[in-house]
Amino acid sequence: MTSECAVVRLKAEVRPARAPVQYRRIHGYRRAFVHAGHGPAVLLIHGIGDSLDTWGELIPELAKRHTVIAPDLLGHGRSEKPRADYSVAGYANAMRDLLSVLDIESVTVVGHSLGGGVAMQFAYQYPERCERLVLVSSGGVSRDVHPVLRLAATPLGHPLVSVLAVPFARTLGRGVATALKAMNTDVGQDEEHWMRVFDRMGDPTARRAFVSTIRAVVDVRGQVITMLDRCYLARGMPTLILWGTRDGVIPFEHAQLLHAAMPGSQLRAFEGAGHFPHHSARSEFLATLDAFMRSTPPAAYSGRDWRELLRRGRPGRMENAQGELTSEVLGRSLLSGT
């Protein structure tokens, strides 16, 4: 009886094997990525300071029904970290190039944090290659950004990040993160994930790439770019917005702003989740993503319709000088429940 119970328990704990990391040189730089599964293609784009490992538990499940491509962005993870273009547009171009090398014409793009901004930029630059858009705790919505990221974008940013090379500083950082979790703060919800990012800062090339990426998207006034002025171009693009209600980095209000700016988008809030809902609410996240992809047809790109949208421009002034939706627009959205 004991051995039978052990076998049953062992079987229950077995998980699908993780796909191996592959490498290709594109424009002379080594890029790391996972390419797994068969079926409609899904591109997973991680956030700043992170890597494709953030999708590790999701890839085997998604690969059962989809072709999954999950890269380490240039300057991140196992990819090279040269002195290069770390702008959002540059990353979008890199996604196009990787897909072309792999002979993949179009994808559902899933982007987390900085990756959400890259996903939106990809959909804007290459609408004919984007079937659906999934934005997870996404950057690129409002000018507003966490004060720590503003500080990292200043001339003090590199010296401050360099301190993380000192073991004592990383130990202190772990202690602060543990305290924030014990105090039940929003940032503390994701303590283990911040520790993973901090540990990578021991590599000097990773630190330089991190600061270069921050400075490409943030300055002392906040995020340099916002996609709110171009959201009208996503008309007809199936869009899913996924956010934790306790996101301490990019507040849930940004999800509401984005939802209001993108008519027809779907918003799913994960109650109590932080900045990484694909970790803290993994089963619900996967179920929501799967239902969205099953229930929505791929966007049908029309060059003529795209040109007409550009000619007509935005349907009214939707955001203020800070790149934020006006309270009137947001209020209408919340009152209508959209």
Protein backbone atom coordinates (compact mmCIF):
# COMPACT_ATOMS: atom_id res chain seq x y z
CA MET A 1 0.00 0.00 0.00
CA THR A 2 2.81 2.41 0.86
CA SER A 3 4.55 1.89 -2.48
CA GLU A 4 1.28 2.36 -4.41
CA CYS A 5 0.65 5.69 -2.65
CA ALA A 6 4.20 6.77 -3.42
CA VAL A 7 3.70 5.97 -7.12
CA VAL A 8 0.43 7.89 -7.25
CA ARG A 9 2.04 10.88 -5.53
CA LEU A 10 5.04 10.75 -7.88
CA LYS A 11 2.81 10.72 -10.95
CA ALA A 12 0.86 13.71 -9.67
CA GLU A 13 4.08 15.70 -9.28
CA VAL A 14 5.41 15.02 -12.79
CA ARG A 15 5.42 18.16 -14.95
CA PRO A 16 6.07 18.50 -18.68
CA ALA A 17 9.78 18.86 -19.42
CA ARG A 18 11.02 22.38 -20.09
CA ALA A 19 12.06 23.08 -23.66
CA PRO A 20 15.80 23.53 -24.30
CA VAL A 21 17.25 26.98 -24.94
CA GLN A 22 18.48 27.52 -28.49
CA TYR A 23 20.85 30.14 -29.93
CA ARG A 24 21.08 32.05 -33.20
CA ARG A 25 23.30 34.91 -34.32
CA ILE A 26 21.29 37.81 -35.72
CA HIS A 27 23.15 40.96 -36.82
CA GLY A 28 26.25 39.41 -35.29
CA TYR A 29 24.83 39.05 -31.75
CA ARG A 30 23.96 35.76 -30.09
CA ARG A 31 20.28 35.54 -29.20
CA ALA A 32 18.88 32.96 -26.80
CA PHE A 33 15.34 31.68 -27.17
CA VAL A 34 13.00 28.73 -26.67
CA HIS A 35 11.13 27.37 -29.69
CA ALA A 36 8.71 24.61 -28.75
CA GLY A 37 5.43 22.96 -29.68
CA HIS A 38 3.21 22.95 -32.75
CA GLY A 39 0.17 24.95 -33.79
CA PRO A 40 -0.68 28.67 -33.95
CA ALA A 41 2.34 30.70 -32.90
CA VAL A 42 2.65 32.59 -29.60
CA LEU A 43 5.52 35.02 -28.88
CA LEU A 44 6.31 35.58 -25.18
CA ILE A 45 8.27 38.76 -24.32
CA HIS A 46 9.65 39.22 -20.79
CA GLY A 47 10.21 42.43 -18.83
CA ILE A 48 13.27 44.52 -17.99
CA GLY A 49 16.00 42.76 -16.02
CA ASP A 50 14.18 39.45 -16.50
CA SER A 51 14.60 36.57 -18.95
CA LEU A 52 12.63 33.92 -20.80
CA ASP A 53 12.75 31.89 -17.55
CA THR A 54 9.82 33.96 -16.31
CA TRP A 55 7.64 31.91 -18.71
CA GLY A 56 9.26 28.60 -17.70
CA GLU A 57 6.19 27.06 -16.07
CA LEU A 58 3.85 28.25 -18.83
CA ILE A 59 5.80 27.17 -21.93
CA PRO A 60 5.22 23.39 -21.61
CA GLU A 61 1.48 23.93 -21.19
CA LEU A 62 1.20 26.40 -24.07
CA ALA A 63 3.36 24.18 -26.30
CA LYS A 64 0.72 21.43 -26.14
CA ARG A 65 -1.45 23.44 -28.57
CA HIS A 66 0.82 26.20 -29.88
CA THR A 67 4.20 26.95 -31.36
CA VAL A 68 5.85 28.94 -28.56
CA ILE A 69 8.72 31.38 -29.11
CA ALA A 70 10.19 32.89 -25.94
CA PRO A 71 13.39 34.94 -26.42
CA ASP A 72 15.84 36.48 -24.02
CA LEU A 73 15.85 40.11 -25.17
CA LEU A 74 19.22 41.51 -26.18
CA GLY A 75 21.04 42.55 -23.00
CA HIS A 76 19.08 40.06 -20.91
CA GLY A 77 19.36 36.47 -19.75
CA ARG A 78 21.58 34.30 -21.95
CA SER A 79 21.56 36.67 -24.93
CA GLU A 80 24.58 38.87 -25.60
CA LYS A 81 24.82 42.22 -23.83
CA PRO A 82 26.65 44.55 -26.23
CA ARG A 83 26.60 48.32 -26.52
CA ALA A 84 23.57 48.41 -28.78
CA ASP A 85 20.05 49.71 -29.41
CA TYR A 86 17.92 48.95 -26.35
CA SER A 87 14.93 51.06 -27.35
CA VAL A 88 11.39 49.67 -27.46
CA ALA A 89 11.37 50.08 -31.25
CA GLY A 90 14.71 48.28 -31.47
CA TYR A 91 13.35 45.37 -29.49
CA ALA A 92 10.26 45.23 -31.73
CA ASN A 93 12.55 45.03 -34.75
CA ALA A 94 14.48 42.23 -33.07
CA MET A 95 11.25 40.27 -32.57
CA ARG A 96 10.47 40.67 -36.28
CA ASP A 97 13.96 39.45 -37.20
CA LEU A 98 13.82 36.42 -34.90
CA LEU A 99 10.43 35.38 -36.27
CA SER A 100 11.74 35.77 -39.82
CA VAL A 101 14.78 33.58 -39.07
CA LEU A 102 12.40 30.93 -37.70
CA ASP A 103 10.07 31.21 -40.75
CA ILE A 104 7.11 32.33 -38.62
CA GLU A 105 4.89 34.83 -40.39
CA SER A 106 2.45 35.91 -37.67
CA VAL A 107 1.94 35.44 -33.93
CA THR A 108 -0.16 36.18 -30.91
CA VAL A 109 2.14 38.52 -28.94
CA VAL A 110 2.19 38.27 -25.13
CA GLY A 111 4.27 40.94 -23.37
CA HIS A 112 4.98 41.45 -19.66
CA SER A 113 6.02 44.83 -18.21
CA LEU A 114 8.64 46.27 -20.62
CA GLY A 115 7.70 43.35 -22.87
CA GLY A 116 4.17 44.73 -23.02
CA GLY A 117 5.53 47.98 -24.41
CA VAL A 118 7.55 45.99 -26.93
CA ALA A 119 4.44 43.98 -27.84
CA MET A 120 2.43 47.17 -28.46
CA GLN A 121 5.27 48.59 -30.54
CA PHE A 122 5.48 45.35 -32.53
CA ALA A 123 1.74 45.51 -33.23
CA TYR A 124 2.13 49.14 -34.35
CA GLN A 125 5.20 48.58 -36.54
CA TYR A 126 4.19 45.20 -37.97
CA PRO A 127 0.38 44.93 -37.80
CA GLU A 128 0.36 42.35 -40.59
CA ARG A 129 2.36 39.99 -38.35
CA CYS A 130 0.32 40.43 -35.16
CA GLU A 131 -2.75 38.19 -34.75
CA ARG A 132 -3.64 39.10 -31.18
CA LEU A 133 -2.19 41.28 -28.44
CA VAL A 134 -1.92 40.22 -24.79
CA LEU A 135 -0.58 42.83 -22.35
CA VAL A 136 0.49 41.69 -18.89
CA SER A 137 1.20 44.41 -16.30
CA SER A 138 2.39 46.41 -19.28
CA GLY A 139 4.66 49.40 -19.52
CA GLY A 140 4.13 52.06 -22.16
CA VAL A 141 0.70 53.17 -20.94
CA SER A 142 1.13 56.36 -18.90
CA ARG A 143 4.07 58.69 -18.30
CA ASP A 144 3.84 57.69 -14.64
CA VAL A 145 6.50 55.22 -13.49
CA HIS A 146 7.93 53.94 -10.20
CA PRO A 147 10.38 56.43 -8.57
CA VAL A 148 13.12 53.78 -8.43
CA LEU A 149 13.06 53.50 -12.22
CA ARG A 150 13.23 57.28 -12.57
CA LEU A 151 16.28 57.29 -10.32
CA ALA A 152 17.91 54.50 -12.35
CA ALA A 153 17.51 56.63 -15.48
CA THR A 154 19.54 59.52 -14.01
CA PRO A 155 23.35 59.84 -14.17
CA LEU A 156 23.36 58.23 -10.72
CA GLY A 157 21.69 55.14 -12.13
CA HIS A 158 24.76 53.18 -13.15
CA PRO A 159 26.73 53.79 -9.91
CA LEU A 160 23.68 52.83 -7.86
CA VAL A 161 23.03 49.65 -9.84
CA SER A 162 26.77 48.83 -9.63
CA VAL A 163 26.43 48.64 -5.86
CA LEU A 164 24.43 45.44 -6.44
CA ALA A 165 27.69 43.77 -7.50
CA VAL A 166 28.72 43.82 -3.83
CA PRO A 167 27.50 40.65 -2.05
CA PHE A 168 26.61 42.64 1.07
CA ALA A 169 24.35 44.94 -0.98
CA ARG A 170 22.52 41.97 -2.48
CA THR A 171 22.12 40.46 0.99
CA LEU A 172 20.74 43.78 2.21
CA GLY A 173 18.41 43.88 -0.78
CA ARG A 174 17.10 40.43 0.09
CA GLY A 175 16.46 41.61 3.63
CA VAL A 176 14.53 44.65 2.42
CA ALA A 177 12.47 42.53 0.03
CA THR A 178 11.69 40.03 2.79
CA ALA A 179 10.62 42.88 5.07
CA LEU A 180 8.37 44.34 2.35
CA LYS A 181 6.75 40.94 1.95
CA ALA A 182 6.30 40.54 5.72
CA MET A 183 4.67 44.00 5.81
CA ASN A 184 2.25 42.83 3.10
CA THR A 185 3.16 45.67 0.74
CA ASP A 186 2.26 45.50 -2.94
CA VAL A 187 5.90 45.38 -4.05
CA GLY A 188 6.54 42.65 -1.48
CA GLN A 189 4.06 40.35 -3.23
CA ASP A 190 6.78 39.50 -5.76
CA GLU A 191 9.77 39.20 -3.42
CA GLU A 192 11.27 36.05 -4.98
CA HIS A 193 11.11 37.53 -8.48
CA TRP A 194 12.87 40.76 -7.45
CA MET A 195 15.61 38.66 -5.88
CA ARG A 196 16.11 36.86 -9.18
CA VAL A 197 16.53 40.23 -10.95
CA PHE A 198 18.88 41.56 -8.25
CA ASP A 199 21.08 38.47 -8.45
CA ARG A 200 21.62 39.04 -12.17
CA MET A 201 23.03 42.49 -11.46
CA GLY A 202 26.25 40.87 -10.26
CA ASP A 203 27.25 40.65 -13.94
CA PRO A 204 28.72 44.01 -15.12
CA THR A 205 27.45 43.52 -18.71
CA ALA A 206 23.95 42.84 -17.36
CA ARG A 207 24.12 46.04 -15.27
CA ARG A 208 25.16 48.14 -18.28
CA ALA A 209 22.42 46.66 -20.43
CA PHE A 210 19.84 47.20 -17.66
CA VAL A 211 20.72 50.89 -17.29
CA SER A 212 20.84 51.38 -21.08
CA THR A 213 17.36 49.84 -21.40
CA ILE A 214 15.99 51.99 -18.57
CA ARG A 215 17.38 55.17 -20.13
CA ALA A 216 15.85 54.25 -23.51
CA VAL A 217 12.34 54.17 -22.05
CA VAL A 218 12.40 56.37 -18.90
CA ASP A 219 13.75 59.78 -17.89
CA VAL A 220 13.29 61.91 -14.76
CA ARG A 221 9.79 62.89 -15.97
CA GLY A 222 8.64 59.29 -16.39
CA GLN A 223 8.15 56.99 -19.37
CA VAL A 224 9.46 58.58 -22.54
CA ILE A 225 6.85 57.04 -24.80
CA THR A 226 3.22 56.07 -24.34
CA MET A 227 1.12 54.09 -26.77
CA LEU A 228 -2.09 55.89 -25.80
CA ASP A 229 -1.80 58.21 -28.79
CA ARG A 230 -1.75 55.22 -31.18
CA CYS A 231 -4.19 52.85 -29.46
CA TYR A 232 -6.88 53.71 -32.00
CA LEU A 233 -4.84 51.82 -34.59
CA ALA A 234 -5.52 48.59 -32.67
CA ARG A 235 -9.15 48.67 -33.74
CA GLY A 236 -9.94 45.17 -34.93
CA MET A 237 -6.96 43.68 -33.07
CA PRO A 238 -8.14 41.17 -30.43
CA THR A 239 -6.58 42.50 -27.24
CA LEU A 240 -6.45 41.01 -23.75
CA ILE A 241 -5.20 43.01 -20.74
CA LEU A 242 -4.06 40.97 -17.71
CA TRP A 243 -3.13 42.69 -14.44
CA GLY A 244 -2.72 42.05 -10.75
CA THR A 245 -4.79 44.29 -8.50
CA ARG A 246 -1.78 44.67 -6.16
CA ASP A 247 0.85 45.53 -8.74
CA GLY A 248 3.37 47.69 -6.88
CA VAL A 249 5.37 48.60 -10.00
CA ILE A 250 2.73 49.52 -12.59
CA PRO A 251 -0.51 50.17 -10.69
CA PHE A 252 -3.79 48.54 -11.70
CA GLU A 253 -5.08 51.99 -12.71
CA HIS A 254 -2.87 51.69 -15.79
CA ALA A 255 -4.87 48.62 -16.83
CA GLN A 256 -8.05 50.68 -16.61
CA LEU A 257 -6.49 53.50 -18.62
CA LEU A 258 -5.38 51.09 -21.32
CA HIS A 259 -8.73 49.31 -21.40
CA ALA A 260 -10.51 52.65 -21.82
CA ALA A 261 -8.18 53.66 -24.64
CA MET A 262 -8.64 50.40 -26.56
CA PRO A 263 -12.34 49.87 -27.39
CA GLY A 264 -13.11 46.18 -27.71
CA SER A 265 -10.27 45.07 -25.45
CA GLN A 266 -10.85 42.56 -22.66
CA LEU A 267 -9.61 43.23 -19.13
CA ARG A 268 -8.99 40.46 -16.59
CA ALA A 269 -7.93 41.46 -13.08
CA PHE A 270 -6.22 38.93 -10.79
CA GLU A 271 -7.31 39.77 -7.28
CA GLY A 272 -4.39 40.06 -4.85
CA ALA A 273 -1.73 39.35 -7.50
CA GLY A 274 1.30 41.61 -7.89
CA HIS A 275 3.43 42.51 -10.91
CA PHE A 276 3.82 38.85 -11.99
CA PRO A 277 0.29 37.40 -12.28
CA HIS A 278 1.63 34.67 -14.60
CA HIS A 279 3.44 33.34 -11.51
CA SER A 280 1.14 34.06 -8.59
CA ALA A 281 -2.06 33.12 -10.47
CA ARG A 282 -0.56 30.74 -13.04
CA SER A 283 -3.54 28.38 -13.49
CA GLU A 284 -6.04 31.21 -13.85
CA PHE A 285 -3.62 33.08 -16.12
CA LEU A 286 -3.24 30.08 -18.45
CA ALA A 287 -6.98 29.40 -18.51
CA THR A 288 -7.75 33.04 -19.35
CA LEU A 289 -5.10 33.17 -22.08
CA ASP A 290 -6.27 29.86 -23.57
CA ALA A 291 -9.93 30.93 -23.58
CA PHE A 292 -9.01 34.22 -25.25
CA MET A 293 -7.05 32.55 -28.04
CA ARG A 294 -9.76 29.96 -28.60
CA SER A 295 -12.59 32.50 -28.72
CA THR A 296 -11.03 35.21 -30.92
CA PRO A 297 -10.11 34.90 -34.60
CA PRO A 298 -6.72 36.30 -35.69
CA ALA A 299 -6.76 39.94 -36.75
CA ALA A 300 -7.25 40.39 -40.48
CA TYR A 301 -4.77 43.04 -41.62
CA SER A 302 -5.78 45.37 -44.43
CA GLY A 303 -3.27 47.93 -45.69
CA ARG A 304 -6.08 50.05 -47.04
CA ASP A 305 -7.95 50.08 -43.71
CA TRP A 306 -4.69 50.88 -41.89
CA ARG A 307 -4.02 53.86 -44.13
CA GLU A 308 -7.57 55.09 -43.63
CA LEU A 309 -7.22 54.89 -39.85
CA LEU A 310 -4.03 56.94 -40.04
CA ARG A 311 -5.69 59.57 -42.22
CA ARG A 312 -8.62 59.94 -39.87
CA GLY A 313 -6.39 60.05 -36.82
CA ARG A 314 -7.49 59.70 -33.23
CA PRO A 315 -11.21 60.03 -32.50
CA GLY A 316 -10.82 63.10 -30.28
CA ARG A 317 -8.23 64.19 -27.76
CA MET A 318 -8.10 61.30 -25.29
CA GLU A 319 -5.08 62.11 -23.15
CA ASN A 320 -3.60 65.12 -21.46
CA ALA A 321 -0.10 66.56 -21.77
CA GLN A 322 1.27 63.93 -19.39
CA GLY A 323 0.10 61.14 -21.68
CA GLU A 324 -2.72 60.12 -19.35
CA LEU A 325 -6.34 59.62 -20.24
CA THR A 326 -8.51 62.47 -19.08
CA SER A 327 -10.65 61.79 -16.02
CA GLU A 328 -13.75 62.32 -18.17
CA VAL A 329 -12.80 59.48 -20.53
CA LEU A 330 -11.75 57.18 -17.69
CA GLY A 331 -14.90 58.00 -15.75
CA ARG A 332 -17.10 57.09 -18.71
CA SER A 333 -15.22 53.81 -19.05
CA LEU A 334 -15.57 52.85 -15.38
CA LEU A 335 -19.22 53.86 -15.18
CA SER A 336 -20.06 51.82 -18.25
CA GLY A 337 -18.16 48.84 -16.89
CA THR A 338 -15.98 48.51 -19.98
